[in-house]
Amino acid sequence: MALEHENPQEEERLKMFHPVHTYISKFVTNFTARELHEDIFVDCKLVYVLPTLQDIRRFVEGNLNLLWDKYKRLLNPEEFPVDLSQSCWDNKMNCINEIQENLQNMVP
């Protein structure tokens, strides 16, 4: 996962690490990054066109084919990894620290 202002496609390699077990990290070089968010409304106008069920089915089947079998197996499936970029991790930690400071200031 990366922040909106980051453009991972322009990077030669990315350092990614586990969001909970931060000591687990890796560099990825052969990757495709794509936007997951789609605008629904822009300037108070609906801009999203709802896909047909056939389009949704094709999208799902195409994406399932990209996953390795260990993630799709029904018995003991492997947990699919979701790693964070350094900027995303820093943002998360800054938010947590800010909330903790605000809570400490509220205590009498």
PDB file of N, CA and C in Angstrom:
ATOM      1  N   MET A   1       0.843  -1.156   0.000  1.00  0.00           N
ATOM      2  CA  MET A   1       0.000   0.000   0.000  1.00  0.00           C
ATOM      3  C   MET A   1       0.896   1.229   0.000  1.00  0.00           C
ATOM      4  N   ALA A   2       0.465   2.220  -0.751  1.00  0.00           N
ATOM      5  CA  ALA A   2       1.211   3.465  -0.842  1.00  0.00           C
ATOM      6  C   ALA A   2       0.247   4.636  -0.708  1.00  0.00           C
ATOM      7  N   LEU A   3       0.800   5.794  -0.418  1.00  0.00           N
ATOM      8  CA  LEU A   3      -0.018   6.998  -0.304  1.00  0.00           C
ATOM      9  C   LEU A   3      -0.359   7.536  -1.684  1.00  0.00           C
ATOM     10  N   GLU A   4      -1.356   8.389  -1.723  1.00  0.00           N
ATOM     11  CA  GLU A   4      -1.859   8.901  -2.987  1.00  0.00           C
ATOM     12  C   GLU A   4      -0.783   9.627  -3.797  1.00  0.00           C
ATOM     13  N   HIS A   5       0.082  10.372  -3.116  1.00  0.00           N
ATOM     14  CA  HIS A   5       1.091  11.146  -3.837  1.00  0.00           C
ATOM     15  C   HIS A   5       2.267  10.305  -4.333  1.00  0.00           C
ATOM     16  N   GLU A   6       2.375   9.074  -3.855  1.00  0.00           N
ATOM     17  CA  GLU A   6       3.468   8.199  -4.293  1.00  0.00           C
ATOM     18  C   GLU A   6       3.130   7.590  -5.650  1.00  0.00           C
ATOM     19  N   ASN A   7       4.151   7.361  -6.444  1.00  0.00           N
ATOM     20  CA  ASN A   7       3.955   6.731  -7.744  1.00  0.00           C
ATOM     21  C   ASN A   7       4.902   5.547  -7.863  1.00  0.00           C
ATOM     22  N   PRO A   8       4.500   4.393  -7.334  1.00  0.00           N
ATOM     23  CA  PRO A   8       5.387   3.232  -7.306  1.00  0.00           C
ATOM     24  C   PRO A   8       5.828   2.755  -8.692  1.00  0.00           C
ATOM     25  N   GLN A   9       5.021   2.998  -9.718  1.00  0.00           N
ATOM     26  CA  GLN A   9       5.384   2.546 -11.065  1.00  0.00           C
ATOM     27  C   GLN A   9       6.657   3.212 -11.566  1.00  0.00           C
ATOM     28  N   GLU A  10       6.998   4.369 -11.016  1.00  0.00           N
ATOM     29  CA  GLU A  10       8.208   5.069 -11.437  1.00  0.00           C
ATOM     30  C   GLU A  10       9.458   4.556 -10.719  1.00  0.00           C
ATOM     31  N   GLU A  11       9.280   3.710  -9.731  1.00  0.00           N
ATOM     32  CA  GLU A  11      10.406   3.187  -8.955  1.00  0.00           C
ATOM     33  C   GLU A  11      10.974   1.934  -9.598  1.00  0.00           C
ATOM     34  N   GLU A  12      12.297   1.792  -9.518  1.00  0.00           N
ATOM     35  CA  GLU A  12      12.942   0.590 -10.028  1.00  0.00           C
ATOM     36  C   GLU A  12      12.711  -0.594  -9.096  1.00  0.00           C
ATOM     37  N   ARG A  13      12.756  -0.310  -7.803  1.00  0.00           N
ATOM     38  CA  ARG A  13      12.475  -1.317  -6.784  1.00  0.00           C
ATOM     39  C   ARG A  13      11.848  -0.640  -5.584  1.00  0.00           C
ATOM     40  N   LEU A  14      11.051  -1.400  -4.863  1.00  0.00           N
ATOM     41  CA  LEU A  14      10.352  -0.880  -3.693  1.00  0.00           C
ATOM     42  C   LEU A  14      10.725  -1.693  -2.463  1.00  0.00           C
ATOM     43  N   LYS A  15      10.985  -0.989  -1.374  1.00  0.00           N
ATOM     44  CA  LYS A  15      11.158  -1.689  -0.103  1.00  0.00           C
ATOM     45  C   LYS A  15       9.789  -1.753   0.547  1.00  0.00           C
ATOM     46  N   MET A  16       9.344  -2.947   0.822  1.00  0.00           N
ATOM     47  CA  MET A  16       8.049  -3.160   1.450  1.00  0.00           C
ATOM     48  C   MET A  16       8.285  -3.926   2.745  1.00  0.00           C
ATOM     49  N   PHE A  17       7.435  -3.644   3.737  1.00  0.00           N
ATOM     50  CA  PHE A  17       7.550  -4.395   4.979  1.00  0.00           C
ATOM     51  C   PHE A  17       6.184  -4.643   5.565  1.00  0.00           C
ATOM     52  N   HIS A  18       6.128  -5.677   6.376  1.00  0.00           N
ATOM     53  CA  HIS A  18       4.882  -6.118   6.996  1.00  0.00           C
ATOM     54  C   HIS A  18       4.390  -5.040   7.952  1.00  0.00           C
ATOM     55  N   PRO A  19       3.086  -4.683   7.904  1.00  0.00           N
ATOM     56  CA  PRO A  19       2.582  -3.601   8.750  1.00  0.00           C
ATOM     57  C   PRO A  19       2.558  -3.915  10.242  1.00  0.00           C
ATOM     58  N   VAL A  20       2.595  -5.190  10.614  1.00  0.00           N
ATOM     59  CA  VAL A  20       2.602  -5.557  12.030  1.00  0.00           C
ATOM     60  C   VAL A  20       3.998  -6.006  12.448  1.00  0.00           C
ATOM     61  N   HIS A  21       4.571  -6.896  11.685  1.00  0.00           N
ATOM     62  CA  HIS A  21       5.911  -7.421  11.967  1.00  0.00           C
ATOM     63  C   HIS A  21       6.902  -6.645  11.090  1.00  0.00           C
ATOM     64  N   THR A  22       7.248  -5.443  11.530  1.00  0.00           N
ATOM     65  CA  THR A  22       8.025  -4.528  10.689  1.00  0.00           C
ATOM     66  C   THR A  22       9.446  -5.011  10.417  1.00  0.00           C
ATOM     67  N   TYR A  23       9.924  -5.993  11.164  1.00  0.00           N
ATOM     68  CA  TYR A  23      11.250  -6.549  10.907  1.00  0.00           C
ATOM     69  C   TYR A  23      11.255  -7.425   9.658  1.00  0.00           C
ATOM     70  N   ILE A  24      10.077  -7.760   9.154  1.00  0.00           N
ATOM     71  CA  ILE A  24       9.972  -8.541   7.920  1.00  0.00           C
ATOM     72  C   ILE A  24       9.875  -7.556   6.757  1.00  0.00           C
ATOM     73  N   SER A  25      10.899  -7.548   5.931  1.00  0.00           N
ATOM     74  CA  SER A  25      10.887  -6.627   4.792  1.00  0.00           C
ATOM     75  C   SER A  25      11.476  -7.305   3.570  1.00  0.00           C
ATOM     76  N   LYS A  26      11.229  -6.693   2.431  1.00  0.00           N
ATOM     77  CA  LYS A  26      11.759  -7.233   1.182  1.00  0.00           C
ATOM     78  C   LYS A  26      11.778  -6.113   0.152  1.00  0.00           C
ATOM     79  N   PHE A  27      12.598  -6.297  -0.855  1.00  0.00           N
ATOM     80  CA  PHE A  27      12.592  -5.403  -2.002  1.00  0.00           C
ATOM     81  C   PHE A  27      11.907  -6.132  -3.147  1.00  0.00           C
ATOM     82  N   VAL A  28      10.989  -5.470  -3.800  1.00  0.00           N
ATOM     83  CA  VAL A  28      10.329  -6.054  -4.962  1.00  0.00           C
ATOM     84  C   VAL A  28      10.752  -5.276  -6.197  1.00  0.00           C
ATOM     85  N   THR A  29      10.987  -6.026  -7.272  1.00  0.00           N
ATOM     86  CA  THR A  29      11.452  -5.385  -8.504  1.00  0.00           C
ATOM     87  C   THR A  29      10.529  -5.668  -9.684  1.00  0.00           C
ATOM     88  N   ASN A  30       9.908  -6.793  -9.713  1.00  0.00           N
ATOM     89  CA  ASN A  30       9.035  -7.148 -10.828  1.00  0.00           C
ATOM     90  C   ASN A  30       7.593  -7.027 -10.342  1.00  0.00           C
ATOM     91  N   PHE A  31       7.027  -5.832 -10.455  1.00  0.00           N
ATOM     92  CA  PHE A  31       5.712  -5.586  -9.875  1.00  0.00           C
ATOM     93  C   PHE A  31       4.881  -4.698 -10.794  1.00  0.00           C
ATOM     94  N   THR A  32       3.608  -4.744 -10.560  1.00  0.00           N
ATOM     95  CA  THR A  32       2.674  -3.835 -11.214  1.00  0.00           C
ATOM     96  C   THR A  32       1.874  -3.151 -10.117  1.00  0.00           C
ATOM     97  N   ALA A  33       1.902  -1.844 -10.111  1.00  0.00           N
ATOM     98  CA  ALA A  33       1.116  -1.078  -9.143  1.00  0.00           C
ATOM     99  C   ALA A  33      -0.061  -0.470  -9.884  1.00  0.00           C
ATOM    100  N   ARG A  34      -1.214  -0.544  -9.252  1.00  0.00           N
ATOM    101  CA  ARG A  34      -2.376   0.072  -9.886  1.00  0.00           C
ATOM    102  C   ARG A  34      -3.250   0.724  -8.837  1.00  0.00           C
ATOM    103  N   GLU A  35      -3.953   1.725  -9.284  1.00  0.00           N
ATOM    104  CA  GLU A  35      -4.847   2.485  -8.418  1.00  0.00           C
ATOM    105  C   GLU A  35      -6.025   1.607  -8.014  1.00  0.00           C
ATOM    106  N   LEU A  36      -6.333   1.600  -6.734  1.00  0.00           N
ATOM    107  CA  LEU A  36      -7.474   0.824  -6.250  1.00  0.00           C
ATOM    108  C   LEU A  36      -8.714   1.683  -6.068  1.00  0.00           C
ATOM    109  N   HIS A  37      -8.526   2.967  -5.915  1.00  0.00           N
ATOM    110  CA  HIS A  37      -9.661   3.865  -5.714  1.00  0.00           C
ATOM    111  C   HIS A  37     -10.206   4.356  -7.046  1.00  0.00           C
ATOM    112  N   GLU A  38     -11.499   4.491  -7.103  1.00  0.00           N
ATOM    113  CA  GLU A  38     -12.147   5.070  -8.273  1.00  0.00           C
ATOM    114  C   GLU A  38     -13.069   6.183  -7.799  1.00  0.00           C
ATOM    115  N   ASP A  39     -13.067   7.271  -8.540  1.00  0.00           N
ATOM    116  CA  ASP A  39     -13.974   8.363  -8.206  1.00  0.00           C
ATOM    117  C   ASP A  39     -15.408   7.929  -8.447  1.00  0.00           C
ATOM    118  N   ILE A  40     -16.275   8.240  -7.504  1.00  0.00           N
ATOM    119  CA  ILE A  40     -17.700   7.994  -7.649  1.00  0.00           C
ATOM    120  C   ILE A  40     -18.392   9.313  -7.992  1.00  0.00           C
ATOM    121  N   PHE A  41     -18.034  10.338  -7.232  1.00  0.00           N
ATOM    122  CA  PHE A  41     -18.558  11.684  -7.462  1.00  0.00           C
ATOM    123  C   PHE A  41     -17.388  12.640  -7.642  1.00  0.00           C
ATOM    124  N   VAL A  42     -17.505  13.542  -8.592  1.00  0.00           N
ATOM    125  CA  VAL A  42     -16.547  14.620  -8.780  1.00  0.00           C
ATOM    126  C   VAL A  42     -17.349  15.906  -8.928  1.00  0.00           C
ATOM    127  N   ASP A  43     -17.018  16.885  -8.097  1.00  0.00           N
ATOM    128  CA  ASP A  43     -17.755  18.155  -8.098  1.00  0.00           C
ATOM    129  C   ASP A  43     -19.266  17.930  -7.994  1.00  0.00           C
ATOM    130  N   CYS A  44     -19.644  17.050  -7.093  1.00  0.00           N
ATOM    131  CA  CYS A  44     -21.057  16.740  -6.805  1.00  0.00           C
ATOM    132  C   CYS A  44     -21.780  16.065  -7.972  1.00  0.00           C
ATOM    133  N   LYS A  45     -21.034  15.536  -8.924  1.00  0.00           N
ATOM    134  CA  LYS A  45     -21.655  14.850 -10.060  1.00  0.00           C
ATOM    135  C   LYS A  45     -21.206  13.397 -10.080  1.00  0.00           C
ATOM    136  N   LEU A  46     -22.156  12.502 -10.298  1.00  0.00           N
ATOM    137  CA  LEU A  46     -21.858  11.085 -10.405  1.00  0.00           C
ATOM    138  C   LEU A  46     -21.030  10.832 -11.662  1.00  0.00           C
ATOM    139  N   VAL A  47     -19.839  10.259 -11.488  1.00  0.00           N
ATOM    140  CA  VAL A  47     -18.961   9.994 -12.635  1.00  0.00           C
ATOM    141  C   VAL A  47     -18.692   8.499 -12.814  1.00  0.00           C
ATOM    142  N   TYR A  48     -19.133   7.701 -11.862  1.00  0.00           N
ATOM    143  CA  TYR A  48     -18.870   6.259 -11.907  1.00  0.00           C
ATOM    144  C   TYR A  48     -20.000   5.547 -12.637  1.00  0.00           C
ATOM    145  N   VAL A  49     -19.630   4.679 -13.549  1.00  0.00           N
ATOM    146  CA  VAL A  49     -20.613   3.868 -14.262  1.00  0.00           C
ATOM    147  C   VAL A  49     -20.541   2.466 -13.671  1.00  0.00           C
ATOM    148  N   LEU A  50     -21.647   2.018 -13.118  1.00  0.00           N
ATOM    149  CA  LEU A  50     -21.702   0.700 -12.507  1.00  0.00           C
ATOM    150  C   LEU A  50     -21.494  -0.377 -13.562  1.00  0.00           C
ATOM    151  N   PRO A  51     -20.495  -1.264 -13.361  1.00  0.00           N
ATOM    152  CA  PRO A  51     -20.273  -2.319 -14.355  1.00  0.00           C
ATOM    153  C   PRO A  51     -21.391  -3.357 -14.325  1.00  0.00           C
ATOM    154  N   THR A  52     -21.526  -4.069 -15.425  1.00  0.00           N
ATOM    155  CA  THR A  52     -22.519  -5.147 -15.487  1.00  0.00           C
ATOM    156  C   THR A  52     -22.016  -6.325 -14.662  1.00  0.00           C
ATOM    157  N   LEU A  53     -22.900  -7.257 -14.346  1.00  0.00           N
ATOM    158  CA  LEU A  53     -22.488  -8.451 -13.613  1.00  0.00           C
ATOM    159  C   LEU A  53     -21.454  -9.250 -14.403  1.00  0.00           C
ATOM    160  N   GLN A  54     -21.610  -9.292 -15.720  1.00  0.00           N
ATOM    161  CA  GLN A  54     -20.626  -9.995 -16.551  1.00  0.00           C
ATOM    162  C   GLN A  54     -19.258  -9.323 -16.453  1.00  0.00           C
ATOM    163  N   ASP A  55     -19.218  -7.998 -16.461  1.00  0.00           N
ATOM    164  CA  ASP A  55     -17.951  -7.276 -16.331  1.00  0.00           C
ATOM    165  C   ASP A  55     -17.314  -7.541 -14.968  1.00  0.00           C
ATOM    166  N   ILE A  56     -18.129  -7.548 -13.933  1.00  0.00           N
ATOM    167  CA  ILE A  56     -17.617  -7.827 -12.587  1.00  0.00           C
ATOM    168  C   ILE A  56     -17.061  -9.244 -12.521  1.00  0.00           C
ATOM    169  N   ARG A  57     -17.783 -10.196 -13.083  1.00  0.00           N
ATOM    170  CA  ARG A  57     -17.340 -11.589 -13.082  1.00  0.00           C
ATOM    171  C   ARG A  57     -16.003 -11.729 -13.819  1.00  0.00           C
ATOM    172  N   ARG A  58     -15.880 -11.098 -14.984  1.00  0.00           N
ATOM    173  CA  ARG A  58     -14.616 -11.157 -15.737  1.00  0.00           C
ATOM    174  C   ARG A  58     -13.469 -10.531 -14.942  1.00  0.00           C
ATOM    175  N   PHE A  59     -13.753  -9.416 -14.283  1.00  0.00           N
ATOM    176  CA  PHE A  59     -12.732  -8.745 -13.477  1.00  0.00           C
ATOM    177  C   PHE A  59     -12.257  -9.654 -12.343  1.00  0.00           C
ATOM    178  N   VAL A  60     -13.204 -10.261 -11.632  1.00  0.00           N
ATOM    179  CA  VAL A  60     -12.867 -11.139 -10.512  1.00  0.00           C
ATOM    180  C   VAL A  60     -12.083 -12.352 -11.002  1.00  0.00           C
ATOM    181  N   GLU A  61     -12.546 -12.995 -12.059  1.00  0.00           N
ATOM    182  CA  GLU A  61     -11.858 -14.176 -12.579  1.00  0.00           C
ATOM    183  C   GLU A  61     -10.447 -13.824 -13.036  1.00  0.00           C
ATOM    184  N   GLY A  62     -10.300 -12.694 -13.694  1.00  0.00           N
ATOM    185  CA  GLY A  62      -8.973 -12.269 -14.145  1.00  0.00           C
ATOM    186  C   GLY A  62      -8.027 -12.012 -12.990  1.00  0.00           C
ATOM    187  N   ASN A  63      -8.548 -11.404 -11.924  1.00  0.00           N
ATOM    188  CA  ASN A  63      -7.712 -11.133 -10.772  1.00  0.00           C
ATOM    189  C   ASN A  63      -7.426 -12.389  -9.957  1.00  0.00           C
ATOM    190  N   LEU A  64      -8.372 -13.295  -9.870  1.00  0.00           N
ATOM    191  CA  LEU A  64      -8.114 -14.553  -9.163  1.00  0.00           C
ATOM    192  C   LEU A  64      -7.023 -15.349  -9.854  1.00  0.00           C
ATOM    193  N   ASN A  65      -6.966 -15.262 -11.164  1.00  0.00           N
ATOM    194  CA  ASN A  65      -5.927 -15.980 -11.907  1.00  0.00           C
ATOM    195  C   ASN A  65      -4.536 -15.420 -11.638  1.00  0.00           C
ATOM    196  N   LEU A  66      -4.450 -14.199 -11.133  1.00  0.00           N
ATOM    197  CA  LEU A  66      -3.155 -13.606 -10.809  1.00  0.00           C
ATOM    198  C   LEU A  66      -2.604 -14.100  -9.474  1.00  0.00           C
ATOM    199  N   LEU A  67      -3.488 -14.631  -8.624  1.00  0.00           N
ATOM    200  CA  LEU A  67      -3.056 -15.091  -7.304  1.00  0.00           C
ATOM    201  C   LEU A  67      -2.426 -16.476  -7.377  1.00  0.00           C
ATOM    202  N   TRP A  68      -1.420 -16.684  -6.552  1.00  0.00           N
ATOM    203  CA  TRP A  68      -0.814 -18.003  -6.452  1.00  0.00           C
ATOM    204  C   TRP A  68      -1.797 -18.947  -5.770  1.00  0.00           C
ATOM    205  N   ASP A  69      -1.657 -20.247  -6.068  1.00  0.00           N
ATOM    206  CA  ASP A  69      -2.564 -21.257  -5.520  1.00  0.00           C
ATOM    207  C   ASP A  69      -2.576 -21.276  -3.993  1.00  0.00           C
ATOM    208  N   LYS A  70      -1.435 -20.976  -3.354  1.00  0.00           N
ATOM    209  CA  LYS A  70      -1.383 -21.043  -1.890  1.00  0.00           C
ATOM    210  C   LYS A  70      -2.336 -20.046  -1.231  1.00  0.00           C
ATOM    211  N   TYR A  71      -2.712 -18.987  -1.956  1.00  0.00           N
ATOM    212  CA  TYR A  71      -3.659 -18.013  -1.413  1.00  0.00           C
ATOM    213  C   TYR A  71      -5.104 -18.416  -1.700  1.00  0.00           C
ATOM    214  N   LYS A  72      -5.311 -19.280  -2.672  1.00  0.00           N
ATOM    215  CA  LYS A  72      -6.670 -19.643  -3.089  1.00  0.00           C
ATOM    216  C   LYS A  72      -7.149 -20.978  -2.530  1.00  0.00           C
ATOM    217  N   ARG A  73      -6.237 -21.752  -1.978  1.00  0.00           N
ATOM    218  CA  ARG A  73      -6.656 -23.074  -1.493  1.00  0.00           C
ATOM    219  C   ARG A  73      -7.660 -22.929  -0.353  1.00  0.00           C
ATOM    220  N   LEU A  74      -8.583 -23.874  -0.260  1.00  0.00           N
ATOM    221  CA  LEU A  74      -9.631 -23.818   0.755  1.00  0.00           C
ATOM    222  C   LEU A  74      -9.151 -24.321   2.113  1.00  0.00           C
ATOM    223  N   LEU A  75      -8.205 -25.251   2.111  1.00  0.00           N
ATOM    224  CA  LEU A  75      -7.686 -25.802   3.350  1.00  0.00           C
ATOM    225  C   LEU A  75      -6.368 -25.106   3.684  1.00  0.00           C
ATOM    226  N   ASN A  76      -6.318 -24.428   4.806  1.00  0.00           N
ATOM    227  CA  ASN A  76      -5.136 -23.705   5.274  1.00  0.00           C
ATOM    228  C   ASN A  76      -4.559 -22.745   4.226  1.00  0.00           C
ATOM    229  N   PRO A  77      -5.365 -21.817   3.757  1.00  0.00           N
ATOM    230  CA  PRO A  77      -4.817 -20.868   2.774  1.00  0.00           C
ATOM    231  C   PRO A  77      -3.760 -19.975   3.410  1.00  0.00           C
ATOM    232  N   GLU A  78      -2.773 -19.612   2.633  1.00  0.00           N
ATOM    233  CA  GLU A  78      -1.741 -18.680   3.077  1.00  0.00           C
ATOM    234  C   GLU A  78      -2.359 -17.286   3.196  1.00  0.00           C
ATOM    235  N   GLU A  79      -1.965 -16.548   4.204  1.00  0.00           N
ATOM    236  CA  GLU A  79      -2.456 -15.175   4.367  1.00  0.00           C
ATOM    237  C   GLU A  79      -1.848 -14.306   3.270  1.00  0.00           C
ATOM    238  N   PHE A  80      -2.684 -13.571   2.564  1.00  0.00           N
ATOM    239  CA  PHE A  80      -2.185 -12.725   1.481  1.00  0.00           C
ATOM    240  C   PHE A  80      -1.463 -11.522   2.081  1.00  0.00           C
ATOM    241  N   PRO A  81      -0.220 -11.283   1.658  1.00  0.00           N
ATOM    242  CA  PRO A  81       0.541 -10.193   2.267  1.00  0.00           C
ATOM    243  C   PRO A  81       0.099  -8.823   1.745  1.00  0.00           C
ATOM    244  N   VAL A  82      -0.039  -7.902   2.660  1.00  0.00           N
ATOM    245  CA  VAL A  82      -0.290  -6.506   2.299  1.00  0.00           C
ATOM    246  C   VAL A  82       0.802  -5.697   2.986  1.00  0.00           C
ATOM    247  N   ASP A  83       1.734  -5.216   2.215  1.00  0.00           N
ATOM    248  CA  ASP A  83       2.858  -4.473   2.756  1.00  0.00           C
ATOM    249  C   ASP A  83       2.632  -2.979   2.573  1.00  0.00           C
ATOM    250  N   LEU A  84       3.374  -2.194   3.343  1.00  0.00           N
ATOM    251  CA  LEU A  84       3.252  -0.745   3.305  1.00  0.00           C
ATOM    252  C   LEU A  84       4.533  -0.123   2.753  1.00  0.00           C
ATOM    253  N   SER A  85       4.380   0.968   2.036  1.00  0.00           N
ATOM    254  CA  SER A  85       5.548   1.740   1.634  1.00  0.00           C
ATOM    255  C   SER A  85       6.072   2.472   2.865  1.00  0.00           C
ATOM    256  N   GLN A  86       7.310   2.957   2.799  1.00  0.00           N
ATOM    257  CA  GLN A  86       7.885   3.679   3.932  1.00  0.00           C
ATOM    258  C   GLN A  86       7.065   4.916   4.259  1.00  0.00           C
ATOM    259  N   SER A  87       6.638   5.649   3.239  1.00  0.00           N
ATOM    260  CA  SER A  87       5.835   6.859   3.476  1.00  0.00           C
ATOM    261  C   SER A  87       4.498   6.518   4.130  1.00  0.00           C
ATOM    262  N   CYS A  88       3.893   5.421   3.711  1.00  0.00           N
ATOM    263  CA  CYS A  88       2.615   5.002   4.284  1.00  0.00           C
ATOM    264  C   CYS A  88       2.806   4.621   5.756  1.00  0.00           C
ATOM    265  N   TRP A  89       3.882   3.900   6.050  1.00  0.00           N
ATOM    266  CA  TRP A  89       4.185   3.527   7.430  1.00  0.00           C
ATOM    267  C   TRP A  89       4.434   4.776   8.281  1.00  0.00           C
ATOM    268  N   ASP A  90       5.231   5.706   7.759  1.00  0.00           N
ATOM    269  CA  ASP A  90       5.521   6.933   8.498  1.00  0.00           C
ATOM    270  C   ASP A  90       4.243   7.705   8.781  1.00  0.00           C
ATOM    271  N   ASN A  91       3.361   7.776   7.810  1.00  0.00           N
ATOM    272  CA  ASN A  91       2.086   8.462   7.986  1.00  0.00           C
ATOM    273  C   ASN A  91       1.250   7.779   9.075  1.00  0.00           C
ATOM    274  N   LYS A  92       1.204   6.472   9.038  1.00  0.00           N
ATOM    275  CA  LYS A  92       0.452   5.716  10.051  1.00  0.00           C
ATOM    276  C   LYS A  92       0.998   6.010  11.446  1.00  0.00           C
ATOM    277  N   MET A  93       2.318   5.957  11.590  1.00  0.00           N
ATOM    278  CA  MET A  93       2.916   6.168  12.902  1.00  0.00           C
ATOM    279  C   MET A  93       2.735   7.609  13.376  1.00  0.00           C
ATOM    280  N   ASN A  94       2.809   8.569  12.467  1.00  0.00           N
ATOM    281  CA  ASN A  94       2.572   9.965  12.835  1.00  0.00           C
ATOM    282  C   ASN A  94       1.143  10.162  13.337  1.00  0.00           C
ATOM    283  N   CYS A  95       0.193   9.534  12.680  1.00  0.00           N
ATOM    284  CA  CYS A  95      -1.212   9.629  13.109  1.00  0.00           C
ATOM    285  C   CYS A  95      -1.402   9.012  14.490  1.00  0.00           C
ATOM    286  N   ILE A  96      -0.804   7.860  14.710  1.00  0.00           N
ATOM    287  CA  ILE A  96      -0.912   7.195  16.016  1.00  0.00           C
ATOM    288  C   ILE A  96      -0.295   8.061  17.100  1.00  0.00           C
ATOM    289  N   ASN A  97       0.891   8.600  16.838  1.00  0.00           N
ATOM    290  CA  ASN A  97       1.557   9.444  17.834  1.00  0.00           C
ATOM    291  C   ASN A  97       0.755  10.704  18.134  1.00  0.00           C
ATOM    292  N   GLU A  98       0.178  11.298  17.110  1.00  0.00           N
ATOM    293  CA  GLU A  98      -0.624  12.498  17.301  1.00  0.00           C
ATOM    294  C   GLU A  98      -1.854  12.208  18.156  1.00  0.00           C
ATOM    295  N   ILE A  99      -2.515  11.095  17.904  1.00  0.00           N
ATOM    296  CA  ILE A  99      -3.689  10.712  18.697  1.00  0.00           C
ATOM    297  C   ILE A  99      -3.291  10.442  20.141  1.00  0.00           C
ATOM    298  N   GLN A 100      -2.170   9.740  20.338  1.00  0.00           N
ATOM    299  CA  GLN A 100      -1.711   9.458  21.698  1.00  0.00           C
ATOM    300  C   GLN A 100      -1.403  10.749  22.456  1.00  0.00           C
ATOM    301  N   GLU A 101      -0.761  11.701  21.780  1.00  0.00           N
ATOM    302  CA  GLU A 101      -0.451  12.984  22.423  1.00  0.00           C
ATOM    303  C   GLU A 101      -1.733  13.733  22.780  1.00  0.00           C
ATOM    304  N   ASN A 102      -2.691  13.734  21.889  1.00  0.00           N
ATOM    305  CA  ASN A 102      -3.962  14.408  22.159  1.00  0.00           C
ATOM    306  C   ASN A 102      -4.688  13.771  23.340  1.00  0.00           C
ATOM    307  N   LEU A 103      -4.647  12.442  23.412  1.00  0.00           N
ATOM    308  CA  LEU A 103      -5.294  11.753  24.526  1.00  0.00           C
ATOM    309  C   LEU A 103      -4.595  12.057  25.843  1.00  0.00           C
ATOM    310  N   GLN A 104      -3.274  12.110  25.812  1.00  0.00           N
ATOM    311  CA  GLN A 104      -2.524  12.421  27.040  1.00  0.00           C
ATOM    312  C   GLN A 104      -2.830  13.848  27.513  1.00  0.00           C
ATOM    313  N   ASN A 105      -3.006  14.757  26.589  1.00  0.00           N
ATOM    314  CA  ASN A 105      -3.318  16.150  26.945  1.00  0.00           C
ATOM    315  C   ASN A 105      -4.721  16.288  27.502  1.00  0.00           C
ATOM    316  N   MET A 106      -5.586  15.349  27.220  1.00  0.00           N
ATOM    317  CA  MET A 106      -6.973  15.401  27.702  1.00  0.00           C
ATOM    318  C   MET A 106      -7.089  14.903  29.141  1.00  0.00           C
ATOM    319  N   VAL A 107      -6.153  14.094  29.579  1.00  0.00           N
ATOM    320  CA  VAL A 107      -6.216  13.526  30.926  1.00  0.00           C
ATOM    321  C   VAL A 107      -5.899  14.625  31.936  1.00  0.00           C
ATOM    322  N   PRO A 108      -6.762  14.808  32.965  1.00  0.00           N
ATOM    323  CA  PRO A 108      -6.529  15.874  33.953  1.00  0.00           C
ATOM    324  C   PRO A 108      -5.373  15.572  34.880  1.00  0.00           C
TER     325      PRO A 108
END
